[in-house]
Amino acid sequence: MLICRAKKTDSAFTLVELLVVIAVIGILAALLLPVLASARAKSRAIACLNNLRQVSLASMLYAGDANDRMPYNLGTAEIKQAVAQDQYVNWTSPIMSWEVDSDNTNTIVLTKGGIGSYLGRQAGVYRCPSDNVVSDLQAEVGWSRRVRSLSMNMMVGDAGEFTRTGANVNNPYYQQYFKATQIPQPTEIFVFIEEHPDSLNDGYFLDQPESNRWMDLPASWHNGGANLTFADGHAVAHKWRFASTRPPNAAYAAHLPFAIPYPELGDFNWLMARMSAENAYDSGTRGGY
């Protein structure tokens, strides 16, 4: 009697087949990872823009309760003096630095006073989700981020000692907007801006239109650009055109202040045109933008 037996087959992968599968997975990963990274960056940019909208709305609510006066926008010395007296009048009070200073991580001081109560003491809205920059010294003690990425236009709000005469000593030929209704074109004047991590300090975004140099520098987190909010409440994402506006997002990377190469003044001029308008008495003798 003949008995037919089924031939036993080997179901294991050969080495060649395994290498082919690994190569296919590698190709798919190479194709998908940039897409996933781009989607993640885009979601962070959208989250940041929403954060700025909330901060902008809080400043408008503040003005509504303060007889139209915009939030205080003080410099470092006056902020420190006020905090030492347990007064939290500025729009926000921590002073950012690359040192191991508690201001860099103190969310209580961040949201205390100023516009904090109008934001429900939500500390997260003051920081861009992409901003995880710390100095080497801060990384050594375990820090992974600081609490704030935003600053306020120097020409908006009461800047204390800088604006005691009604004009801003840093930009005397331009209008200081103490009240929301003083801003003639609220769609054209920015109030809050993402600032480069190496430039952040007191939250007072300082640049002088005629200096042709960056003193404080806008951030470039989002595809080489930054988010801004304007006095009417709308927010925009603006991409910077020139390399000098986009130094690496790292500690001690911006080397401020620095003169802007003449061919690369476009970014600076764009922002300065949205910082303030010239004083009326001066408009006949000085050129505009």
Protein backbone atom coordinates (compact mmCIF):
# COMPACT_ATOMS: atom_id res chain seq x y z
CA MET A 1 0.00 0.00 0.00
CA LEU A 2 1.30 3.35 -0.96
CA ILE A 3 0.89 6.12 1.60
CA CYS A 4 1.18 9.70 0.40
CA ARG A 5 2.62 12.03 2.95
CA ALA A 6 2.28 15.83 2.65
CA LYS A 7 5.57 17.52 2.19
CA LYS A 8 6.51 19.58 5.23
CA THR A 9 7.13 23.23 4.34
CA ASP A 10 9.27 25.68 6.24
CA SER A 11 7.16 28.77 7.25
CA ALA A 12 10.06 30.82 8.64
CA PHE A 13 11.39 33.98 6.96
CA THR A 14 14.58 33.74 5.02
CA LEU A 15 17.31 36.28 5.76
CA VAL A 16 16.66 38.01 2.45
CA GLU A 17 12.93 38.32 3.18
CA LEU A 18 13.66 39.72 6.63
CA LEU A 19 16.03 42.31 5.18
CA VAL A 20 13.42 43.32 2.61
CA VAL A 21 10.80 43.84 5.37
CA ILE A 22 13.25 45.92 7.42
CA ALA A 23 14.09 48.02 4.36
CA VAL A 24 10.39 48.64 3.63
CA ILE A 25 9.77 49.68 7.25
CA GLY A 26 12.75 52.01 7.08
CA ILE A 27 11.47 53.63 3.87
CA LEU A 28 7.98 54.10 5.35
CA ALA A 29 9.45 55.60 8.52
CA ALA A 30 11.58 58.00 6.47
CA LEU A 31 8.48 59.09 4.58
CA LEU A 32 6.18 59.40 7.59
CA LEU A 33 8.41 60.93 10.27
CA PRO A 34 8.79 64.33 8.56
CA VAL A 35 5.01 64.43 8.03
CA LEU A 36 4.39 63.61 11.69
CA ALA A 37 6.99 66.17 12.81
CA SER A 38 5.38 68.82 10.61
CA ALA A 39 1.92 68.00 11.97
CA ARG A 40 3.22 68.21 15.53
CA ALA A 41 4.88 71.58 14.86
CA LYS A 42 1.68 72.88 13.27
CA SER A 43 -0.42 71.79 16.25
CA ARG A 44 2.00 73.57 18.59
CA ALA A 45 1.78 76.74 16.51
CA ILE A 46 -2.02 76.62 16.64
CA ALA A 47 -1.96 76.02 20.41
CA CYS A 48 0.42 78.96 20.82
CA LEU A 49 -1.80 81.22 18.72
CA ASN A 50 -4.77 80.28 20.89
CA ASN A 51 -2.73 81.06 24.00
CA LEU A 52 -1.96 84.53 22.67
CA ARG A 53 -5.62 85.11 21.88
CA GLN A 54 -6.47 84.36 25.50
CA VAL A 55 -3.77 86.72 26.77
CA SER A 56 -5.00 89.42 24.40
CA LEU A 57 -8.61 88.97 25.53
CA ALA A 58 -7.47 89.17 29.16
CA SER A 59 -5.77 92.51 28.50
CA MET A 60 -8.96 93.83 26.90
CA LEU A 61 -11.03 92.69 29.89
CA TYR A 62 -8.47 94.33 32.18
CA ALA A 63 -8.85 97.62 30.26
CA GLY A 64 -12.62 97.33 30.50
CA ASP A 65 -12.37 97.25 34.29
CA ALA A 66 -9.65 99.92 34.50
CA ASN A 67 -11.34 102.87 32.80
CA ASP A 68 -9.89 101.85 29.45
CA ARG A 69 -6.28 101.80 30.69
CA MET A 70 -4.11 99.04 29.28
CA PRO A 71 -2.15 96.79 31.68
CA TYR A 72 1.07 98.12 33.22
CA ASN A 73 4.14 97.31 31.15
CA LEU A 74 7.07 98.14 33.42
CA GLY A 75 10.80 97.59 33.14
CA THR A 76 12.92 95.27 35.27
CA ALA A 77 13.83 97.72 38.07
CA GLU A 78 10.25 98.81 38.76
CA ILE A 79 8.90 95.25 38.59
CA LYS A 80 11.46 94.10 41.16
CA GLN A 81 10.73 97.10 43.37
CA ALA A 82 6.98 96.41 43.27
CA VAL A 83 7.40 92.67 43.99
CA ALA A 84 9.70 93.47 46.93
CA GLN A 85 6.74 95.44 48.35
CA ASP A 86 4.39 92.51 47.62
CA GLN A 87 2.71 94.44 44.82
CA TYR A 88 2.00 92.70 41.54
CA VAL A 89 0.83 95.51 39.27
CA ASN A 90 2.61 94.59 36.04
CA TRP A 91 0.89 92.51 33.37
CA THR A 92 3.19 89.76 34.61
CA SER A 93 6.05 89.92 37.12
CA PRO A 94 8.71 87.18 36.70
CA ILE A 95 12.03 88.33 35.19
CA MET A 96 13.40 85.69 32.82
CA SER A 97 17.11 84.90 32.81
CA TRP A 98 19.54 82.06 32.17
CA GLU A 99 20.39 81.85 35.87
CA VAL A 100 19.00 79.43 38.45
CA ASP A 101 16.51 82.05 39.63
CA SER A 102 13.07 81.01 40.85
CA ASP A 103 11.41 83.64 38.64
CA ASN A 104 12.06 81.35 35.67
CA THR A 105 9.81 78.63 37.09
CA ASN A 106 7.49 80.53 39.46
CA THR A 107 3.96 80.18 38.09
CA ILE A 108 2.45 81.91 41.14
CA VAL A 109 4.30 85.16 40.48
CA LEU A 110 3.61 84.69 36.76
CA THR A 111 -0.17 84.82 37.21
CA LYS A 112 -0.44 87.00 40.30
CA GLY A 113 -1.79 90.50 39.69
CA GLY A 114 -1.78 92.10 36.25
CA ILE A 115 -3.96 90.16 33.83
CA GLY A 116 -3.58 86.89 35.75
CA SER A 117 -7.06 86.88 37.27
CA TYR A 118 -8.59 87.40 33.81
CA LEU A 119 -6.89 84.20 32.69
CA GLY A 120 -8.10 82.12 35.62
CA ARG A 121 -4.47 81.87 36.83
CA GLN A 122 -3.69 79.57 33.89
CA ALA A 123 0.10 79.59 33.72
CA GLY A 124 0.31 77.60 30.50
CA VAL A 125 -0.97 80.38 28.25
CA TYR A 126 2.12 82.51 28.90
CA ARG A 127 4.44 79.97 27.24
CA CYS A 128 4.70 78.69 23.68
CA PRO A 129 4.53 74.85 23.63
CA SER A 130 7.63 74.85 21.41
CA ASP A 131 9.67 76.85 23.93
CA ASN A 132 11.63 74.33 26.00
CA VAL A 133 14.89 76.28 25.97
CA VAL A 134 16.98 76.43 29.12
CA SER A 135 20.62 77.25 29.72
CA ASP A 136 23.22 74.57 30.50
CA LEU A 137 23.21 75.80 34.09
CA GLN A 138 19.44 75.39 34.34
CA ALA A 139 19.54 71.97 32.68
CA GLU A 140 22.09 70.82 35.28
CA VAL A 141 19.54 71.39 38.06
CA GLY A 142 16.84 69.53 36.16
CA TRP A 143 14.90 72.36 34.53
CA SER A 144 13.31 71.62 31.16
CA ARG A 145 11.50 74.92 30.47
CA ARG A 146 10.82 78.41 31.72
CA VAL A 147 7.37 79.84 32.41
CA ARG A 148 7.03 82.61 29.82
CA SER A 149 7.62 83.11 26.09
CA LEU A 150 5.65 86.33 25.54
CA SER A 151 6.30 90.03 25.87
CA MET A 152 4.24 93.20 25.50
CA ASN A 153 4.82 96.03 23.04
CA MET A 154 6.78 98.76 24.84
CA MET A 155 4.52 101.44 23.35
CA VAL A 156 1.36 99.98 24.90
CA GLY A 157 0.43 100.47 28.55
CA ASP A 158 1.90 102.51 31.38
CA ALA A 159 5.66 101.90 31.34
CA GLY A 160 6.26 103.66 34.66
CA GLU A 161 9.50 105.60 34.79
CA PHE A 162 9.85 105.39 31.02
CA THR A 163 6.57 107.23 30.41
CA ARG A 164 6.21 109.67 33.31
CA THR A 165 6.07 112.67 30.95
CA GLY A 166 3.42 111.09 28.73
CA ALA A 167 5.96 110.11 26.07
CA ASN A 168 8.25 107.09 26.13
CA VAL A 169 11.87 108.08 26.72
CA ASN A 170 12.93 105.12 24.60
CA ASN A 171 10.87 106.34 21.62
CA PRO A 172 9.97 109.99 22.32
CA TYR A 173 8.79 110.76 18.78
CA TYR A 174 6.18 107.98 18.82
CA GLN A 175 2.86 107.68 20.60
CA GLN A 176 2.51 105.81 23.88
CA TYR A 177 -0.88 104.13 24.11
CA PHE A 178 -1.96 104.25 27.74
CA LYS A 179 -5.60 103.55 26.88
CA ALA A 180 -7.15 101.18 24.38
CA THR A 181 -9.15 103.97 22.76
CA GLN A 182 -5.97 105.98 22.11
CA ILE A 183 -4.93 103.45 19.48
CA PRO A 184 -6.19 104.97 16.22
CA GLN A 185 -5.92 101.79 14.16
CA PRO A 186 -6.18 98.84 16.56
CA THR A 187 -5.88 96.35 13.71
CA GLU A 188 -2.39 97.70 12.96
CA ILE A 189 -0.72 97.95 16.40
CA PHE A 190 0.52 94.76 18.04
CA VAL A 191 0.20 94.26 21.79
CA PHE A 192 1.74 90.85 22.56
CA ILE A 193 4.49 89.01 20.72
CA GLU A 194 6.49 85.83 21.12
CA GLU A 195 10.01 86.85 22.01
CA HIS A 196 13.28 85.05 21.31
CA PRO A 197 14.30 83.08 24.44
CA ASP A 198 17.66 84.85 24.55
CA SER A 199 15.91 88.23 24.55
CA LEU A 200 13.28 87.56 27.22
CA ASN A 201 13.68 89.41 30.48
CA ASP A 202 11.09 91.81 31.88
CA GLY A 203 8.28 91.34 29.35
CA TYR A 204 8.80 94.87 27.96
CA PHE A 205 9.53 94.38 24.26
CA LEU A 206 11.98 97.17 23.46
CA ASP A 207 13.07 98.28 20.01
CA GLN A 208 13.63 101.75 18.56
CA PRO A 209 12.33 102.34 15.01
CA GLU A 210 15.24 104.49 13.90
CA SER A 211 18.03 102.46 15.44
CA ASN A 212 18.20 99.79 12.70
CA ARG A 213 19.23 97.26 15.31
CA TRP A 214 17.50 94.57 17.29
CA MET A 215 17.49 95.22 21.04
CA ASP A 216 14.74 92.73 21.82
CA LEU A 217 14.22 90.07 19.17
CA PRO A 218 10.99 88.33 18.12
CA ALA A 219 10.87 84.55 18.33
CA SER A 220 11.00 82.25 15.31
CA TRP A 221 9.44 79.08 16.68
CA HIS A 222 6.90 78.43 13.97
CA ASN A 223 8.38 77.74 10.56
CA GLY A 224 10.76 80.64 11.09
CA GLY A 225 8.11 83.00 12.40
CA ALA A 226 6.28 84.27 15.48
CA ASN A 227 2.72 84.79 16.64
CA LEU A 228 1.46 88.27 17.51
CA THR A 229 -1.81 89.73 18.76
CA PHE A 230 -3.14 93.16 17.87
CA ALA A 231 -5.09 95.79 19.79
CA ASP A 232 -8.41 94.73 18.25
CA GLY A 233 -7.85 91.19 19.56
CA HIS A 234 -6.96 89.38 16.35
CA ALA A 235 -3.85 87.19 16.19
CA VAL A 236 -1.51 86.45 13.29
CA ALA A 237 1.39 84.15 12.53
CA HIS A 238 4.14 86.08 10.74
CA LYS A 239 7.12 84.44 9.09
CA TRP A 240 10.42 86.33 9.16
CA ARG A 241 12.18 86.70 5.84
CA PHE A 242 15.82 87.12 6.85
CA ALA A 243 18.38 84.93 8.59
CA SER A 244 19.49 87.71 10.94
CA THR A 245 15.99 87.73 12.48
CA ARG A 246 16.17 83.97 13.08
CA PRO A 247 19.23 83.08 15.18
CA PRO A 248 19.08 79.64 16.83
CA ASN A 249 16.51 79.26 19.61
CA ALA A 250 19.08 78.73 22.34
CA ALA A 251 20.64 80.42 25.32
CA TYR A 252 23.23 83.08 24.47
CA ALA A 253 22.57 82.62 20.74
CA ALA A 254 21.20 86.03 19.70
CA HIS A 255 24.14 88.25 20.76
CA LEU A 256 21.91 91.27 21.35
CA PRO A 257 21.82 94.11 20.62
CA PHE A 258 23.10 93.89 17.07
CA ALA A 259 23.01 96.07 13.98
CA ILE A 260 20.86 94.70 11.18
CA PRO A 261 22.52 94.31 7.78
CA TYR A 262 21.01 96.91 5.48
CA PRO A 263 19.61 94.38 2.95
CA GLU A 264 17.84 92.57 5.84
CA LEU A 265 15.92 95.49 7.37
CA GLY A 266 12.57 94.29 6.04
CA ASP A 267 11.58 92.26 9.12
CA PHE A 268 12.57 95.07 11.48
CA ASN A 269 10.70 97.69 9.48
CA TRP A 270 7.60 95.49 9.29
CA LEU A 271 7.48 95.15 13.07
CA MET A 272 8.35 98.78 13.83
CA ALA A 273 5.54 99.95 11.56
CA ARG A 274 3.19 98.01 13.82
CA MET A 275 4.68 99.15 17.11
CA SER A 276 3.33 102.73 17.21
CA ALA A 277 2.52 105.80 15.13
CA GLU A 278 4.50 109.01 15.07
CA ASN A 279 3.39 111.83 17.34
CA ALA A 280 1.11 114.24 15.49
CA TYR A 281 3.32 117.26 16.22
CA ASP A 282 6.26 115.46 14.68
CA SER A 283 4.68 113.95 11.58
CA GLY A 284 5.42 116.98 9.41
CA THR A 285 9.15 116.90 10.00
CA ARG A 286 9.92 113.19 10.09
CA GLY A 287 9.40 110.54 7.46
CA GLY A 288 7.00 107.70 8.08
CA TYR A 289 7.33 104.06 7.13
